[in-house]
Amino acid sequence: MHPVIDVGDLDGALAQAADGLRRAKRVAALTGAGVSAESGLATFRGGGGLWEGRAVEVVATPEAFQRNPGLVWRFYNLRRAGLRSARPNAGHLALVDLEKRWGERFTLITQNVDGLHQAAGSGRVLELHGGLARVRCTGCKAVTQRAGEALPDLPSCDACGALLRPDVVWFHEMLPESVWRVACEAVEACDCFLVIGTSAVVYPAAGLIDMARALGACVIEVNLEPAAIAAGLIGLYGPSGQVLPRLIKRLDESAT
């Protein structure tokens, strides 16, 4: 187990994290909304995480969609519109760099639905919570790509006419079984697990951190401040768009 390094000792933590990465044969990473926040996308966490005075946990549910689908679609259409101007940041690009280094031995698991990892160039991305670019029919269940399109408040399926919904996982819904299985397998096999930009309070995704730690992987947290997972890991505290490039640089230095 790795002790928590003083949050002010970023240089020391970077050295230890780079050493853990350098020793790893397999690497996995879990990313959350904090990574996309640096691209200008709202996290909907904390005191300001409201939309029209409602907590996202109230809007993003099957029950809310059943009661008022137009309200839910307005929320997601605003998020979809925000993606048109959002661009990957240096944190996304650093993760692309890690994938290039480890190839098929690197797995990126994300709680984000914005597609910015793929836009940055990451190829091995497991979307635990789905993707905003896609819609799913509530009738025929067809899933289609509708990235960049302006959708009405009550969009309907071209094939069967039924109401469409965002192809995302809402609160109170199960994660996609096949994606979750592959994510668990990647974490079980990894020697180093990076946890980046996530509050670690949304389960079952947060359980991957417990899994990695229990199996003896080197766990590296990259967050603005320590989350609820601080015990037994290496903490790198600061914006991921700044910290991850520094970690890549330190990794290169340790290899020379």
C-alpha atoms as a PDB file:
ATOM      1  CA  MET A   1       0.000   0.000   0.000  1.00  0.00           C
ATOM      2  CA  HIS A   2       1.192   3.517  -0.766  1.00  0.00           C
ATOM      3  CA  PRO A   3       0.958   6.184   1.945  1.00  0.00           C
ATOM      4  CA  VAL A   4      -0.792   9.442   1.210  1.00  0.00           C
ATOM      5  CA  ILE A   5       1.769  12.099   0.435  1.00  0.00           C
ATOM      6  CA  ASP A   6       1.330  15.581   1.895  1.00  0.00           C
ATOM      7  CA  VAL A   7      -0.922  17.468  -0.540  1.00  0.00           C
ATOM      8  CA  GLY A   8       1.653  20.233  -0.718  1.00  0.00           C
ATOM      9  CA  ASP A   9       4.427  17.868  -1.854  1.00  0.00           C
ATOM     10  CA  LEU A  10       3.391  17.536  -5.488  1.00  0.00           C
ATOM     11  CA  ASP A  11       6.926  16.952  -6.724  1.00  0.00           C
ATOM     12  CA  GLY A  12       7.412  14.043  -4.333  1.00  0.00           C
ATOM     13  CA  ALA A  13       4.031  12.588  -5.236  1.00  0.00           C
ATOM     14  CA  LEU A  14       4.779  12.905  -8.964  1.00  0.00           C
ATOM     15  CA  ALA A  15       8.033  11.006  -8.509  1.00  0.00           C
ATOM     16  CA  GLN A  16       6.289   8.205  -6.648  1.00  0.00           C
ATOM     17  CA  ALA A  17       3.425   8.091  -9.153  1.00  0.00           C
ATOM     18  CA  ALA A  18       5.834   7.958 -12.097  1.00  0.00           C
ATOM     19  CA  ASP A  19       7.662   5.091 -10.419  1.00  0.00           C
ATOM     20  CA  GLY A  20       4.394   3.211  -9.948  1.00  0.00           C
ATOM     21  CA  LEU A  21       3.475   3.726 -13.585  1.00  0.00           C
ATOM     22  CA  ARG A  22       6.909   2.771 -14.851  1.00  0.00           C
ATOM     23  CA  ARG A  23       6.708  -0.570 -13.011  1.00  0.00           C
ATOM     24  CA  ALA A  24       3.207  -1.342 -14.264  1.00  0.00           C
ATOM     25  CA  LYS A  25       2.593  -3.919 -16.965  1.00  0.00           C
ATOM     26  CA  ARG A  26      -1.091  -3.022 -17.180  1.00  0.00           C
ATOM     27  CA  VAL A  27      -2.671   0.348 -16.471  1.00  0.00           C
ATOM     28  CA  ALA A  28      -6.304   1.378 -16.059  1.00  0.00           C
ATOM     29  CA  ALA A  29      -7.807   4.818 -15.465  1.00  0.00           C
ATOM     30  CA  LEU A  30     -11.177   6.007 -14.190  1.00  0.00           C
ATOM     31  CA  THR A  31     -12.205   9.542 -15.128  1.00  0.00           C
ATOM     32  CA  GLY A  32     -15.021  11.755 -13.927  1.00  0.00           C
ATOM     33  CA  ALA A  33     -16.532  15.157 -14.535  1.00  0.00           C
ATOM     34  CA  GLY A  34     -13.506  17.008 -13.183  1.00  0.00           C
ATOM     35  CA  VAL A  35     -11.577  16.168 -16.341  1.00  0.00           C
ATOM     36  CA  SER A  36     -14.232  17.747 -18.555  1.00  0.00           C
ATOM     37  CA  ALA A  37     -14.666  20.763 -16.271  1.00  0.00           C
ATOM     38  CA  GLU A  38     -11.380  22.096 -17.647  1.00  0.00           C
ATOM     39  CA  SER A  39     -13.007  22.049 -21.089  1.00  0.00           C
ATOM     40  CA  GLY A  40     -15.781  24.276 -19.791  1.00  0.00           C
ATOM     41  CA  LEU A  41     -18.412  21.615 -19.072  1.00  0.00           C
ATOM     42  CA  ALA A  42     -20.420  21.781 -15.839  1.00  0.00           C
ATOM     43  CA  THR A  43     -19.798  19.078 -13.236  1.00  0.00           C
ATOM     44  CA  PHE A  44     -23.216  19.430 -11.519  1.00  0.00           C
ATOM     45  CA  ARG A  45     -21.499  18.564  -8.235  1.00  0.00           C
ATOM     46  CA  GLY A  46     -21.197  20.664  -5.120  1.00  0.00           C
ATOM     47  CA  GLY A  47     -23.191  23.707  -4.031  1.00  0.00           C
ATOM     48  CA  GLY A  48     -23.512  25.161  -7.527  1.00  0.00           C
ATOM     49  CA  GLY A  49     -24.478  21.895  -9.205  1.00  0.00           C
ATOM     50  CA  LEU A  50     -28.057  22.851  -9.995  1.00  0.00           C
ATOM     51  CA  TRP A  51     -30.070  23.256 -13.171  1.00  0.00           C
ATOM     52  CA  GLU A  52     -33.179  25.463 -13.037  1.00  0.00           C
ATOM     53  CA  GLY A  53     -33.008  25.109  -9.252  1.00  0.00           C
ATOM     54  CA  ARG A  54     -33.076  21.317  -9.407  1.00  0.00           C
ATOM     55  CA  ALA A  55     -30.333  18.888  -8.396  1.00  0.00           C
ATOM     56  CA  VAL A  56     -29.159  16.738 -11.297  1.00  0.00           C
ATOM     57  CA  GLU A  57     -29.999  13.656  -9.226  1.00  0.00           C
ATOM     58  CA  VAL A  58     -33.650  14.701  -9.495  1.00  0.00           C
ATOM     59  CA  VAL A  59     -33.658  15.503 -13.226  1.00  0.00           C
ATOM     60  CA  ALA A  60     -31.566  12.580 -14.513  1.00  0.00           C
ATOM     61  CA  THR A  61     -33.855   9.727 -13.500  1.00  0.00           C
ATOM     62  CA  PRO A  62     -36.310   7.402 -15.257  1.00  0.00           C
ATOM     63  CA  GLU A  63     -39.020   8.722 -12.955  1.00  0.00           C
ATOM     64  CA  ALA A  64     -38.411  12.315 -14.030  1.00  0.00           C
ATOM     65  CA  PHE A  65     -38.489  11.285 -17.689  1.00  0.00           C
ATOM     66  CA  GLN A  66     -41.779   9.482 -17.172  1.00  0.00           C
ATOM     67  CA  ARG A  67     -43.328  12.490 -15.393  1.00  0.00           C
ATOM     68  CA  ASN A  68     -41.977  15.225 -17.636  1.00  0.00           C
ATOM     69  CA  PRO A  69     -39.884  14.070 -20.618  1.00  0.00           C
ATOM     70  CA  GLY A  70     -39.817  17.591 -22.077  1.00  0.00           C
ATOM     71  CA  LEU A  71     -38.112  18.924 -18.948  1.00  0.00           C
ATOM     72  CA  VAL A  72     -35.509  16.155 -19.009  1.00  0.00           C
ATOM     73  CA  TRP A  73     -34.865  16.672 -22.697  1.00  0.00           C
ATOM     74  CA  ARG A  74     -34.371  20.427 -22.202  1.00  0.00           C
ATOM     75  CA  PHE A  75     -31.657  19.607 -19.682  1.00  0.00           C
ATOM     76  CA  TYR A  76     -29.913  17.188 -22.039  1.00  0.00           C
ATOM     77  CA  ASN A  77     -30.331  19.389 -25.087  1.00  0.00           C
ATOM     78  CA  LEU A  78     -28.506  22.157 -23.223  1.00  0.00           C
ATOM     79  CA  ARG A  79     -25.726  19.720 -22.398  1.00  0.00           C
ATOM     80  CA  ARG A  80     -25.609  18.538 -26.027  1.00  0.00           C
ATOM     81  CA  ALA A  81     -25.403  22.139 -27.223  1.00  0.00           C
ATOM     82  CA  GLY A  82     -22.488  22.750 -24.861  1.00  0.00           C
ATOM     83  CA  LEU A  83     -20.543  19.946 -26.504  1.00  0.00           C
ATOM     84  CA  ARG A  84     -20.443  21.785 -29.831  1.00  0.00           C
ATOM     85  CA  SER A  85     -17.912  24.259 -28.486  1.00  0.00           C
ATOM     86  CA  ALA A  86     -16.123  21.992 -25.985  1.00  0.00           C
ATOM     87  CA  ARG A  87     -12.671  20.748 -26.895  1.00  0.00           C
ATOM     88  CA  PRO A  88     -10.399  18.178 -25.258  1.00  0.00           C
ATOM     89  CA  ASN A  89      -7.910  19.677 -22.841  1.00  0.00           C
ATOM     90  CA  ALA A  90      -4.357  18.738 -21.873  1.00  0.00           C
ATOM     91  CA  GLY A  91      -5.629  16.146 -19.408  1.00  0.00           C
ATOM     92  CA  HIS A  92      -7.477  14.286 -22.171  1.00  0.00           C
ATOM     93  CA  LEU A  93      -4.368  14.418 -24.363  1.00  0.00           C
ATOM     94  CA  ALA A  94      -2.151  13.070 -21.570  1.00  0.00           C
ATOM     95  CA  LEU A  95      -4.407  10.025 -21.326  1.00  0.00           C
ATOM     96  CA  VAL A  96      -4.041   9.509 -25.076  1.00  0.00           C
ATOM     97  CA  ASP A  97      -0.283   9.530 -24.484  1.00  0.00           C
ATOM     98  CA  LEU A  98      -0.605   6.836 -21.812  1.00  0.00           C
ATOM     99  CA  GLU A  99      -2.649   4.663 -24.163  1.00  0.00           C
ATOM    100  CA  LYS A 100       0.037   4.980 -26.840  1.00  0.00           C
ATOM    101  CA  ARG A 101       2.658   3.821 -24.340  1.00  0.00           C
ATOM    102  CA  TRP A 102       0.784   0.791 -23.005  1.00  0.00           C
ATOM    103  CA  GLY A 103      -1.326  -0.008 -26.060  1.00  0.00           C
ATOM    104  CA  GLU A 104      -3.792  -2.830 -25.427  1.00  0.00           C
ATOM    105  CA  ARG A 105      -2.540  -3.019 -21.848  1.00  0.00           C
ATOM    106  CA  PHE A 106      -4.181   0.348 -21.093  1.00  0.00           C
ATOM    107  CA  THR A 107      -7.915   0.764 -20.428  1.00  0.00           C
ATOM    108  CA  LEU A 108      -9.727   4.068 -19.975  1.00  0.00           C
ATOM    109  CA  ILE A 109     -12.964   3.842 -18.001  1.00  0.00           C
ATOM    110  CA  THR A 110     -15.047   6.998 -17.876  1.00  0.00           C
ATOM    111  CA  GLN A 111     -18.123   8.214 -16.051  1.00  0.00           C
ATOM    112  CA  ASN A 112     -18.360  11.088 -18.526  1.00  0.00           C
ATOM    113  CA  VAL A 113     -20.910  11.152 -21.328  1.00  0.00           C
ATOM    114  CA  ASP A 114     -19.377  13.979 -23.380  1.00  0.00           C
ATOM    115  CA  GLY A 115     -17.183  11.968 -25.782  1.00  0.00           C
ATOM    116  CA  LEU A 116     -14.159  14.220 -25.235  1.00  0.00           C
ATOM    117  CA  HIS A 117     -11.839  11.284 -24.612  1.00  0.00           C
ATOM    118  CA  GLN A 118     -12.656   9.900 -28.051  1.00  0.00           C
ATOM    119  CA  ALA A 119     -12.370  13.372 -29.585  1.00  0.00           C
ATOM    120  CA  ALA A 120      -8.879  13.642 -28.083  1.00  0.00           C
ATOM    121  CA  GLY A 121      -7.847  10.365 -29.711  1.00  0.00           C
ATOM    122  CA  SER A 122      -8.369   7.722 -27.026  1.00  0.00           C
ATOM    123  CA  GLY A 123      -9.382   4.459 -28.643  1.00  0.00           C
ATOM    124  CA  ARG A 124      -9.960   2.105 -25.727  1.00  0.00           C
ATOM    125  CA  VAL A 125     -12.749   3.933 -23.871  1.00  0.00           C
ATOM    126  CA  LEU A 126     -15.375   2.229 -21.718  1.00  0.00           C
ATOM    127  CA  GLU A 127     -18.362   4.545 -21.195  1.00  0.00           C
ATOM    128  CA  LEU A 128     -19.953   3.450 -17.922  1.00  0.00           C
ATOM    129  CA  HIS A 129     -22.720   6.043 -18.130  1.00  0.00           C
ATOM    130  CA  GLY A 130     -23.351   6.068 -21.890  1.00  0.00           C
ATOM    131  CA  GLY A 131     -22.897   8.927 -24.336  1.00  0.00           C
ATOM    132  CA  LEU A 132     -24.712  12.189 -25.089  1.00  0.00           C
ATOM    133  CA  ALA A 133     -24.041  11.875 -28.801  1.00  0.00           C
ATOM    134  CA  ARG A 134     -26.386   8.885 -28.992  1.00  0.00           C
ATOM    135  CA  VAL A 135     -30.145   8.516 -28.556  1.00  0.00           C
ATOM    136  CA  ARG A 136     -32.148   5.399 -27.743  1.00  0.00           C
ATOM    137  CA  CYS A 137     -35.721   4.681 -28.776  1.00  0.00           C
ATOM    138  CA  THR A 138     -38.130   3.896 -25.929  1.00  0.00           C
ATOM    139  CA  GLY A 139     -40.105   1.746 -28.351  1.00  0.00           C
ATOM    140  CA  CYS A 140     -37.921  -0.294 -30.718  1.00  0.00           C
ATOM    141  CA  LYS A 141     -34.782   0.261 -28.567  1.00  0.00           C
ATOM    142  CA  ALA A 142     -32.678   1.297 -31.573  1.00  0.00           C
ATOM    143  CA  VAL A 143     -29.565   3.314 -30.699  1.00  0.00           C
ATOM    144  CA  THR A 144     -28.439   5.957 -33.184  1.00  0.00           C
ATOM    145  CA  GLN A 145     -25.742   8.618 -33.375  1.00  0.00           C
ATOM    146  CA  ARG A 146     -27.159  12.161 -33.338  1.00  0.00           C
ATOM    147  CA  ALA A 147     -24.039  14.132 -32.480  1.00  0.00           C
ATOM    148  CA  GLY A 148     -24.193  17.840 -33.272  1.00  0.00           C
ATOM    149  CA  GLU A 149     -27.908  17.833 -34.087  1.00  0.00           C
ATOM    150  CA  ALA A 150     -30.362  20.212 -32.450  1.00  0.00           C
ATOM    151  CA  LEU A 151     -33.167  17.980 -31.189  1.00  0.00           C
ATOM    152  CA  PRO A 152     -36.672  19.094 -30.161  1.00  0.00           C
ATOM    153  CA  ASP A 153     -37.847  18.827 -26.564  1.00  0.00           C
ATOM    154  CA  LEU A 154     -39.746  15.647 -27.456  1.00  0.00           C
ATOM    155  CA  PRO A 155     -37.759  13.918 -30.243  1.00  0.00           C
ATOM    156  CA  SER A 156     -39.273  10.833 -31.847  1.00  0.00           C
ATOM    157  CA  CYS A 157     -37.818   7.758 -33.517  1.00  0.00           C
ATOM    158  CA  ASP A 158     -37.635   7.896 -37.317  1.00  0.00           C
ATOM    159  CA  ALA A 159     -38.295   4.146 -37.495  1.00  0.00           C
ATOM    160  CA  CYS A 160     -41.250   3.617 -35.144  1.00  0.00           C
ATOM    161  CA  GLY A 161     -42.329   7.062 -33.985  1.00  0.00           C
ATOM    162  CA  ALA A 162     -41.828   6.380 -30.282  1.00  0.00           C
ATOM    163  CA  LEU A 163     -40.215   8.907 -27.944  1.00  0.00           C
ATOM    164  CA  LEU A 164     -36.421   9.009 -27.907  1.00  0.00           C
ATOM    165  CA  ARG A 165     -34.300   9.307 -24.776  1.00  0.00           C
ATOM    166  CA  PRO A 166     -30.615  10.126 -24.329  1.00  0.00           C
ATOM    167  CA  ASP A 167     -28.455   7.001 -24.446  1.00  0.00           C
ATOM    168  CA  VAL A 168     -27.113   7.645 -20.967  1.00  0.00           C
ATOM    169  CA  VAL A 169     -27.399   5.812 -17.664  1.00  0.00           C
ATOM    170  CA  TRP A 170     -29.628   7.694 -15.264  1.00  0.00           C
ATOM    171  CA  PHE A 171     -29.690   7.514 -11.502  1.00  0.00           C
ATOM    172  CA  HIS A 172     -31.615   4.387 -10.416  1.00  0.00           C
ATOM    173  CA  GLU A 173     -30.594   2.528 -13.608  1.00  0.00           C
ATOM    174  CA  MET A 174     -28.127  -0.324 -13.990  1.00  0.00           C
ATOM    175  CA  LEU A 175     -24.828   0.153 -15.795  1.00  0.00           C
ATOM    176  CA  PRO A 176     -24.504  -1.643 -19.148  1.00  0.00           C
ATOM    177  CA  GLU A 177     -23.557  -5.175 -18.131  1.00  0.00           C
ATOM    178  CA  SER A 178     -21.004  -5.857 -20.873  1.00  0.00           C
ATOM    179  CA  VAL A 179     -19.176  -2.544 -20.332  1.00  0.00           C
ATOM    180  CA  TRP A 180     -19.118  -3.036 -16.559  1.00  0.00           C
ATOM    181  CA  ARG A 181     -17.745  -6.561 -16.914  1.00  0.00           C
ATOM    182  CA  VAL A 182     -14.853  -5.417 -19.120  1.00  0.00           C
ATOM    183  CA  ALA A 183     -14.134  -2.522 -16.745  1.00  0.00           C
ATOM    184  CA  CYS A 184     -13.931  -4.884 -13.781  1.00  0.00           C
ATOM    185  CA  GLU A 185     -11.646  -7.229 -15.692  1.00  0.00           C
ATOM    186  CA  ALA A 186      -9.339  -4.340 -16.596  1.00  0.00           C
ATOM    187  CA  VAL A 187      -9.116  -3.166 -12.994  1.00  0.00           C
ATOM    188  CA  GLU A 188      -8.570  -6.689 -11.687  1.00  0.00           C
ATOM    189  CA  ALA A 189      -5.646  -7.125 -14.100  1.00  0.00           C
ATOM    190  CA  CYS A 190      -3.986  -3.713 -13.694  1.00  0.00           C
ATOM    191  CA  ASP A 191      -0.869  -2.955 -11.686  1.00  0.00           C
ATOM    192  CA  CYS A 192      -1.565   0.782 -11.622  1.00  0.00           C
ATOM    193  CA  PHE A 193      -4.971   2.479 -11.416  1.00  0.00           C
ATOM    194  CA  LEU A 194      -5.429   6.211 -11.973  1.00  0.00           C
ATOM    195  CA  VAL A 195      -8.493   7.941 -10.533  1.00  0.00           C
ATOM    196  CA  ILE A 196      -8.918  11.325 -12.216  1.00  0.00           C
ATOM    197  CA  GLY A 197     -11.439  14.103 -11.669  1.00  0.00           C
ATOM    198  CA  THR A 198     -14.040  12.094  -9.791  1.00  0.00           C
ATOM    199  CA  SER A 199     -15.625  12.659  -6.399  1.00  0.00           C
ATOM    200  CA  ALA A 200     -15.713   8.876  -5.865  1.00  0.00           C
ATOM    201  CA  VAL A 201     -19.234   8.991  -4.462  1.00  0.00           C
ATOM    202  CA  VAL A 202     -21.200   7.500  -7.375  1.00  0.00           C
ATOM    203  CA  TYR A 203     -21.449   3.720  -7.174  1.00  0.00           C
ATOM    204  CA  PRO A 204     -20.884   1.200  -8.551  1.00  0.00           C
ATOM    205  CA  ALA A 205     -18.127   3.077 -10.452  1.00  0.00           C
ATOM    206  CA  ALA A 206     -16.463   4.172  -7.212  1.00  0.00           C
ATOM    207  CA  GLY A 207     -16.245   0.502  -6.232  1.00  0.00           C
ATOM    208  CA  LEU A 208     -13.553   0.038  -8.869  1.00  0.00           C
ATOM    209  CA  ILE A 209     -11.219   2.044  -6.631  1.00  0.00           C
ATOM    210  CA  ASP A 210     -11.843  -0.306  -3.713  1.00  0.00           C
ATOM    211  CA  MET A 211     -11.259  -3.254  -6.030  1.00  0.00           C
ATOM    212  CA  ALA A 212      -7.917  -1.975  -7.293  1.00  0.00           C
ATOM    213  CA  ARG A 213      -6.724  -1.142  -3.799  1.00  0.00           C
ATOM    214  CA  ALA A 214      -7.772  -4.538  -2.417  1.00  0.00           C
ATOM    215  CA  LEU A 215      -5.867  -6.319  -5.195  1.00  0.00           C
ATOM    216  CA  GLY A 216      -2.665  -4.398  -4.439  1.00  0.00           C
ATOM    217  CA  ALA A 217      -2.539  -2.073  -7.434  1.00  0.00           C
ATOM    218  CA  CYS A 218      -0.754   1.250  -7.174  1.00  0.00           C
ATOM    219  CA  VAL A 219      -3.651   3.736  -6.972  1.00  0.00           C
ATOM    220  CA  ILE A 220      -3.001   7.326  -8.069  1.00  0.00           C
ATOM    221  CA  GLU A 221      -5.599  10.020  -7.417  1.00  0.00           C
ATOM    222  CA  VAL A 222      -5.578  13.180  -9.565  1.00  0.00           C
ATOM    223  CA  ASN A 223      -8.074  15.673  -8.176  1.00  0.00           C
ATOM    224  CA  LEU A 224      -8.325  19.308  -7.176  1.00  0.00           C
ATOM    225  CA  GLU A 225      -8.440  18.098  -3.571  1.00  0.00           C
ATOM    226  CA  PRO A 226      -8.567  14.720  -1.806  1.00  0.00           C
ATOM    227  CA  ALA A 227     -11.808  12.852  -2.426  1.00  0.00           C
ATOM    228  CA  ALA A 228     -13.367  10.195  -0.218  1.00  0.00           C
ATOM    229  CA  ILE A 229     -10.724   7.664  -1.252  1.00  0.00           C
ATOM    230  CA  ALA A 230      -7.633   9.158   0.348  1.00  0.00           C
ATOM    231  CA  ALA A 231      -6.361   6.146   2.296  1.00  0.00           C
ATOM    232  CA  GLY A 232      -3.595   4.070   0.760  1.00  0.00           C
ATOM    233  CA  LEU A 233      -2.947   5.932  -2.461  1.00  0.00           C
ATOM    234  CA  ILE A 234      -0.678   8.477  -4.105  1.00  0.00           C
ATOM    235  CA  GLY A 235      -2.388  11.872  -4.217  1.00  0.00           C
ATOM    236  CA  LEU A 236      -1.666  14.365  -7.006  1.00  0.00           C
ATOM    237  CA  TYR A 237      -3.728  17.443  -6.251  1.00  0.00           C
ATOM    238  CA  GLY A 238      -4.352  20.129  -8.839  1.00  0.00           C
ATOM    239  CA  PRO A 239      -6.115  20.510 -12.235  1.00  0.00           C
ATOM    240  CA  SER A 240      -5.731  17.297 -14.231  1.00  0.00           C
ATOM    241  CA  GLY A 241      -4.875  19.360 -17.319  1.00  0.00           C
ATOM    242  CA  GLN A 242      -1.765  20.535 -15.490  1.00  0.00           C
ATOM    243  CA  VAL A 243      -0.951  17.544 -13.301  1.00  0.00           C
ATOM    244  CA  LEU A 244      -1.195  14.780 -15.914  1.00  0.00           C
ATOM    245  CA  PRO A 245       1.241  16.418 -18.384  1.00  0.00           C
ATOM    246  CA  ARG A 246       3.676  16.843 -15.491  1.00  0.00           C
ATOM    247  CA  LEU A 247       3.244  13.162 -14.659  1.00  0.00           C
ATOM    248  CA  ILE A 248       4.002  12.234 -18.283  1.00  0.00           C
ATOM    249  CA  LYS A 249       7.113  14.405 -18.182  1.00  0.00           C
ATOM    250  CA  ARG A 250       8.271  12.803 -14.926  1.00  0.00           C
ATOM    251  CA  LEU A 251       7.605   9.369 -16.434  1.00  0.00           C
ATOM    252  CA  ASP A 252       9.914  10.213 -19.329  1.00  0.00           C
ATOM    253  CA  GLU A 253      12.579  11.475 -16.935  1.00  0.00           C
ATOM    254  CA  SER A 254      12.428   8.296 -14.855  1.00  0.00           C
ATOM    255  CA  ALA A 255      12.943   6.202 -17.998  1.00  0.00           C
ATOM    256  CA  THR A 256      16.250   7.887 -18.877  1.00  0.00           C
END
